[in-house]
Amino acid sequence: MTTHFIEAEIDLQQTPLTVKDVEATLEKQGEPLRWAITEVDKDKETAKVEAIVTNEQ
């Protein structure tokens, strides 16, 4: 099992954005251990998410 730091960009044009949406995006990279929204770009309508994920390799 390995642990990775990742960054993801989430489209905020979905309404409403839910925790499940964020977790589903992160699960593409592995199992999220923890994550945080660290930046919101109002012009692009996106949010930057930083996360720690684990996966089997």
PDB file of N, CA and C in Angstrom:
ATOM      1  N   MET A   1       0.858  -1.169   0.000  1.00  0.00           N
ATOM      2  CA  MET A   1       0.000   0.000   0.000  1.00  0.00           C
ATOM      3  C   MET A   1       0.908   1.237   0.000  1.00  0.00           C
ATOM      4  N   THR A   2       0.566   2.192  -0.846  1.00  0.00           N
ATOM      5  CA  THR A   2       1.328   3.439  -0.903  1.00  0.00           C
ATOM      6  C   THR A   2       0.400   4.617  -0.615  1.00  0.00           C
ATOM      7  N   THR A   3       0.999   5.674  -0.111  1.00  0.00           N
ATOM      8  CA  THR A   3       0.267   6.895   0.217  1.00  0.00           C
ATOM      9  C   THR A   3       0.753   8.006  -0.695  1.00  0.00           C
ATOM     10  N   HIS A   4      -0.166   8.796  -1.235  1.00  0.00           N
ATOM     11  CA  HIS A   4       0.176   9.863  -2.167  1.00  0.00           C
ATOM     12  C   HIS A   4      -0.536  11.157  -1.789  1.00  0.00           C
ATOM     13  N   PHE A   5       0.135  12.276  -2.053  1.00  0.00           N
ATOM     14  CA  PHE A   5      -0.479  13.592  -1.960  1.00  0.00           C
ATOM     15  C   PHE A   5      -0.946  13.946  -3.358  1.00  0.00           C
ATOM     16  N   ILE A   6      -2.212  14.312  -3.511  1.00  0.00           N
ATOM     17  CA  ILE A   6      -2.724  14.686  -4.827  1.00  0.00           C
ATOM     18  C   ILE A   6      -3.459  16.013  -4.749  1.00  0.00           C
ATOM     19  N   GLU A   7      -3.597  16.636  -5.901  1.00  0.00           N
ATOM     20  CA  GLU A   7      -4.414  17.833  -6.053  1.00  0.00           C
ATOM     21  C   GLU A   7      -5.438  17.548  -7.145  1.00  0.00           C
ATOM     22  N   ALA A   8      -6.647  17.987  -6.930  1.00  0.00           N
ATOM     23  CA  ALA A   8      -7.702  17.799  -7.915  1.00  0.00           C
ATOM     24  C   ALA A   8      -8.455  19.114  -8.078  1.00  0.00           C
ATOM     25  N   GLU A   9      -9.019  19.304  -9.262  1.00  0.00           N
ATOM     26  CA  GLU A   9      -9.833  20.482  -9.519  1.00  0.00           C
ATOM     27  C   GLU A   9     -11.266  20.024  -9.714  1.00  0.00           C
ATOM     28  N   ILE A  10     -12.164  20.614  -8.972  1.00  0.00           N
ATOM     29  CA  ILE A  10     -13.584  20.240  -8.995  1.00  0.00           C
ATOM     30  C   ILE A  10     -14.372  21.365  -9.655  1.00  0.00           C
ATOM     31  N   ASP A  11     -15.241  20.994 -10.586  1.00  0.00           N
ATOM     32  CA  ASP A  11     -16.103  21.964 -11.264  1.00  0.00           C
ATOM     33  C   ASP A  11     -17.254  22.335 -10.337  1.00  0.00           C
ATOM     34  N   LEU A  12     -17.399  23.603 -10.047  1.00  0.00           N
ATOM     35  CA  LEU A  12     -18.457  24.068  -9.144  1.00  0.00           C
ATOM     36  C   LEU A  12     -19.760  24.386  -9.856  1.00  0.00           C
ATOM     37  N   GLN A  13     -19.819  24.183 -11.159  1.00  0.00           N
ATOM     38  CA  GLN A  13     -21.053  24.476 -11.889  1.00  0.00           C
ATOM     39  C   GLN A  13     -22.121  23.432 -11.608  1.00  0.00           C
ATOM     40  N   GLN A  14     -21.717  22.297 -11.020  1.00  0.00           N
ATOM     41  CA  GLN A  14     -22.711  21.325 -10.571  1.00  0.00           C
ATOM     42  C   GLN A  14     -23.439  21.945  -9.385  1.00  0.00           C
ATOM     43  N   THR A  15     -24.728  21.786  -9.334  1.00  0.00           N
ATOM     44  CA  THR A  15     -25.441  22.322  -8.174  1.00  0.00           C
ATOM     45  C   THR A  15     -26.315  21.244  -7.582  1.00  0.00           C
ATOM     46  N   PRO A  16     -26.274  21.019  -6.331  1.00  0.00           N
ATOM     47  CA  PRO A  16     -25.261  21.481  -5.389  1.00  0.00           C
ATOM     48  C   PRO A  16     -24.058  20.527  -5.394  1.00  0.00           C
ATOM     49  N   LEU A  17     -22.905  21.036  -5.073  1.00  0.00           N
ATOM     50  CA  LEU A  17     -21.703  20.224  -4.927  1.00  0.00           C
ATOM     51  C   LEU A  17     -21.765  19.568  -3.558  1.00  0.00           C
ATOM     52  N   THR A  18     -21.592  18.259  -3.520  1.00  0.00           N
ATOM     53  CA  THR A  18     -21.704  17.542  -2.252  1.00  0.00           C
ATOM     54  C   THR A  18     -20.373  16.894  -1.893  1.00  0.00           C
ATOM     55  N   VAL A  19     -20.284  16.460  -0.661  1.00  0.00           N
ATOM     56  CA  VAL A  19     -19.102  15.735  -0.193  1.00  0.00           C
ATOM     57  C   VAL A  19     -18.912  14.471  -1.036  1.00  0.00           C
ATOM     58  N   LYS A  20     -19.991  13.821  -1.394  1.00  0.00           N
ATOM     59  CA  LYS A  20     -19.905  12.604  -2.216  1.00  0.00           C
ATOM     60  C   LYS A  20     -19.283  12.905  -3.573  1.00  0.00           C
ATOM     61  N   ASP A  21     -19.563  14.063  -4.144  1.00  0.00           N
ATOM     62  CA  ASP A  21     -18.959  14.453  -5.430  1.00  0.00           C
ATOM     63  C   ASP A  21     -17.451  14.589  -5.294  1.00  0.00           C
ATOM     64  N   VAL A  22     -17.008  15.231  -4.222  1.00  0.00           N
ATOM     65  CA  VAL A  22     -15.575  15.411  -3.993  1.00  0.00           C
ATOM     66  C   VAL A  22     -14.910  14.058  -3.790  1.00  0.00           C
ATOM     67  N   GLU A  23     -15.490  13.225  -2.957  1.00  0.00           N
ATOM     68  CA  GLU A  23     -14.911  11.916  -2.681  1.00  0.00           C
ATOM     69  C   GLU A  23     -14.883  11.042  -3.929  1.00  0.00           C
ATOM     70  N   ALA A  24     -15.902  11.114  -4.769  1.00  0.00           N
ATOM     71  CA  ALA A  24     -15.917  10.329  -6.007  1.00  0.00           C
ATOM     72  C   ALA A  24     -14.783  10.754  -6.932  1.00  0.00           C
ATOM     73  N   THR A  25     -14.503  12.039  -7.004  1.00  0.00           N
ATOM     74  CA  THR A  25     -13.390  12.530  -7.818  1.00  0.00           C
ATOM     75  C   THR A  25     -12.067  12.019  -7.272  1.00  0.00           C
ATOM     76  N   LEU A  26     -11.897  12.055  -5.969  1.00  0.00           N
ATOM     77  CA  LEU A  26     -10.652  11.619  -5.350  1.00  0.00           C
ATOM     78  C   LEU A  26     -10.455  10.105  -5.456  1.00  0.00           C
ATOM     79  N   GLU A  27     -11.536   9.344  -5.401  1.00  0.00           N
ATOM     80  CA  GLU A  27     -11.443   7.888  -5.456  1.00  0.00           C
ATOM     81  C   GLU A  27     -10.891   7.381  -6.786  1.00  0.00           C
ATOM     82  N   LYS A  28     -10.863   8.224  -7.794  1.00  0.00           N
ATOM     83  CA  LYS A  28     -10.245   7.845  -9.063  1.00  0.00           C
ATOM     84  C   LYS A  28      -8.741   7.643  -8.895  1.00  0.00           C
ATOM     85  N   GLN A  29      -8.165   8.261  -7.855  1.00  0.00           N
ATOM     86  CA  GLN A  29      -6.727   8.171  -7.589  1.00  0.00           C
ATOM     87  C   GLN A  29      -6.391   7.189  -6.474  1.00  0.00           C
ATOM     88  N   GLY A  30      -7.371   6.775  -5.700  1.00  0.00           N
ATOM     89  CA  GLY A  30      -7.152   5.869  -4.574  1.00  0.00           C
ATOM     90  C   GLY A  30      -8.180   6.122  -3.494  1.00  0.00           C
ATOM     91  N   GLU A  31      -7.951   5.539  -2.329  1.00  0.00           N
ATOM     92  CA  GLU A  31      -8.883   5.728  -1.221  1.00  0.00           C
ATOM     93  C   GLU A  31      -8.491   6.975  -0.438  1.00  0.00           C
ATOM     94  N   PRO A  32      -9.366   7.982  -0.388  1.00  0.00           N
ATOM     95  CA  PRO A  32      -9.026   9.209   0.320  1.00  0.00           C
ATOM     96  C   PRO A  32      -8.961   8.987   1.838  1.00  0.00           C
ATOM     97  N   LEU A  33      -7.855   9.401   2.447  1.00  0.00           N
ATOM     98  CA  LEU A  33      -7.738   9.360   3.898  1.00  0.00           C
ATOM     99  C   LEU A  33      -8.213  10.662   4.504  1.00  0.00           C
ATOM    100  N   ARG A  34      -7.812  11.767   3.867  1.00  0.00           N
ATOM    101  CA  ARG A  34      -8.284  13.082   4.278  1.00  0.00           C
ATOM    102  C   ARG A  34      -8.157  14.023   3.094  1.00  0.00           C
ATOM    103  N   TRP A  35      -8.956  15.083   3.092  1.00  0.00           N
ATOM    104  CA  TRP A  35      -8.897  16.052   2.005  1.00  0.00           C
ATOM    105  C   TRP A  35      -9.402  17.397   2.497  1.00  0.00           C
ATOM    106  N   ALA A  36      -9.040  18.440   1.750  1.00  0.00           N
ATOM    107  CA  ALA A  36      -9.479  19.792   2.099  1.00  0.00           C
ATOM    108  C   ALA A  36      -9.623  20.622   0.836  1.00  0.00           C
ATOM    109  N   ILE A  37     -10.625  21.464   0.799  1.00  0.00           N
ATOM    110  CA  ILE A  37     -10.751  22.449  -0.273  1.00  0.00           C
ATOM    111  C   ILE A  37      -9.824  23.590   0.106  1.00  0.00           C
ATOM    112  N   THR A  38      -8.826  23.865  -0.736  1.00  0.00           N
ATOM    113  CA  THR A  38      -7.804  24.846  -0.389  1.00  0.00           C
ATOM    114  C   THR A  38      -7.905  26.142  -1.176  1.00  0.00           C
ATOM    115  N   GLU A  39      -8.687  26.146  -2.253  1.00  0.00           N
ATOM    116  CA  GLU A  39      -8.803  27.358  -3.062  1.00  0.00           C
ATOM    117  C   GLU A  39     -10.073  27.292  -3.898  1.00  0.00           C
ATOM    118  N   VAL A  40     -10.719  28.433  -4.061  1.00  0.00           N
ATOM    119  CA  VAL A  40     -11.892  28.538  -4.929  1.00  0.00           C
ATOM    120  C   VAL A  40     -11.634  29.652  -5.928  1.00  0.00           C
ATOM    121  N   ASP A  41     -11.799  29.333  -7.214  1.00  0.00           N
ATOM    122  CA  ASP A  41     -11.640  30.328  -8.282  1.00  0.00           C
ATOM    123  C   ASP A  41     -13.046  30.710  -8.754  1.00  0.00           C
ATOM    124  N   LYS A  42     -13.470  31.896  -8.378  1.00  0.00           N
ATOM    125  CA  LYS A  42     -14.826  32.340  -8.712  1.00  0.00           C
ATOM    126  C   LYS A  42     -14.999  32.555 -10.211  1.00  0.00           C
ATOM    127  N   ASP A  43     -13.948  33.011 -10.899  1.00  0.00           N
ATOM    128  CA  ASP A  43     -14.046  33.255 -12.334  1.00  0.00           C
ATOM    129  C   ASP A  43     -14.217  31.954 -13.123  1.00  0.00           C
ATOM    130  N   LYS A  44     -13.412  30.953 -12.797  1.00  0.00           N
ATOM    131  CA  LYS A  44     -13.482  29.658 -13.490  1.00  0.00           C
ATOM    132  C   LYS A  44     -14.562  28.752 -12.908  1.00  0.00           C
ATOM    133  N   GLU A  45     -15.065  29.111 -11.733  1.00  0.00           N
ATOM    134  CA  GLU A  45     -16.047  28.312 -11.004  1.00  0.00           C
ATOM    135  C   GLU A  45     -15.510  26.912 -10.728  1.00  0.00           C
ATOM    136  N   THR A  46     -14.294  26.886 -10.149  1.00  0.00           N
ATOM    137  CA  THR A  46     -13.668  25.628  -9.769  1.00  0.00           C
ATOM    138  C   THR A  46     -13.144  25.715  -8.345  1.00  0.00           C
ATOM    139  N   ALA A  47     -12.933  24.552  -7.743  1.00  0.00           N
ATOM    140  CA  ALA A  47     -12.340  24.472  -6.413  1.00  0.00           C
ATOM    141  C   ALA A  47     -11.137  23.553  -6.484  1.00  0.00           C
ATOM    142  N   LYS A  48     -10.067  23.937  -5.809  1.00  0.00           N
ATOM    143  CA  LYS A  48      -8.870  23.099  -5.728  1.00  0.00           C
ATOM    144  C   LYS A  48      -8.965  22.286  -4.451  1.00  0.00           C
ATOM    145  N   VAL A  49      -8.759  20.981  -4.596  1.00  0.00           N
ATOM    146  CA  VAL A  49      -8.822  20.063  -3.457  1.00  0.00           C
ATOM    147  C   VAL A  49      -7.463  19.393  -3.321  1.00  0.00           C
ATOM    148  N   GLU A  50      -6.922  19.391  -2.104  1.00  0.00           N
ATOM    149  CA  GLU A  50      -5.685  18.676  -1.813  1.00  0.00           C
ATOM    150  C   GLU A  50      -6.056  17.488  -0.939  1.00  0.00           C
ATOM    151  N   ALA A  51      -5.441  16.334  -1.220  1.00  0.00           N
ATOM    152  CA  ALA A  51      -5.842  15.127  -0.517  1.00  0.00           C
ATOM    153  C   ALA A  51      -4.653  14.176  -0.303  1.00  0.00           C
ATOM    154  N   ILE A  52      -4.805  13.324   0.683  1.00  0.00           N
ATOM    155  CA  ILE A  52      -3.914  12.196   0.910  1.00  0.00           C
ATOM    156  C   ILE A  52      -4.741  10.955   0.579  1.00  0.00           C
ATOM    157  N   VAL A  53      -4.234  10.135  -0.341  1.00  0.00           N
ATOM    158  CA  VAL A  53      -4.923   8.921  -0.745  1.00  0.00           C
ATOM    159  C   VAL A  53      -3.974   7.724  -0.638  1.00  0.00           C
ATOM    160  N   THR A  54      -4.532   6.560  -0.480  1.00  0.00           N
ATOM    161  CA  THR A  54      -3.743   5.324  -0.488  1.00  0.00           C
ATOM    162  C   THR A  54      -4.240   4.454  -1.630  1.00  0.00           C
ATOM    163  N   ASN A  55      -3.333   3.653  -2.155  1.00  0.00           N
ATOM    164  CA  ASN A  55      -3.725   2.663  -3.156  1.00  0.00           C
ATOM    165  C   ASN A  55      -2.771   1.484  -3.116  1.00  0.00           C
ATOM    166  N   GLU A  56      -3.220   0.364  -3.629  1.00  0.00           N
ATOM    167  CA  GLU A  56      -2.435  -0.857  -3.668  1.00  0.00           C
ATOM    168  C   GLU A  56      -1.559  -0.840  -4.906  1.00  0.00           C
ATOM    169  N   GLN A  57      -0.248  -1.008  -4.719  1.00  0.00           N
ATOM    170  CA  GLN A  57       0.645  -1.065  -5.885  1.00  0.00           C
ATOM    171  C   GLN A  57       1.721  -2.060  -5.664  1.00  0.00           C
TER     172      GLN A  57
END
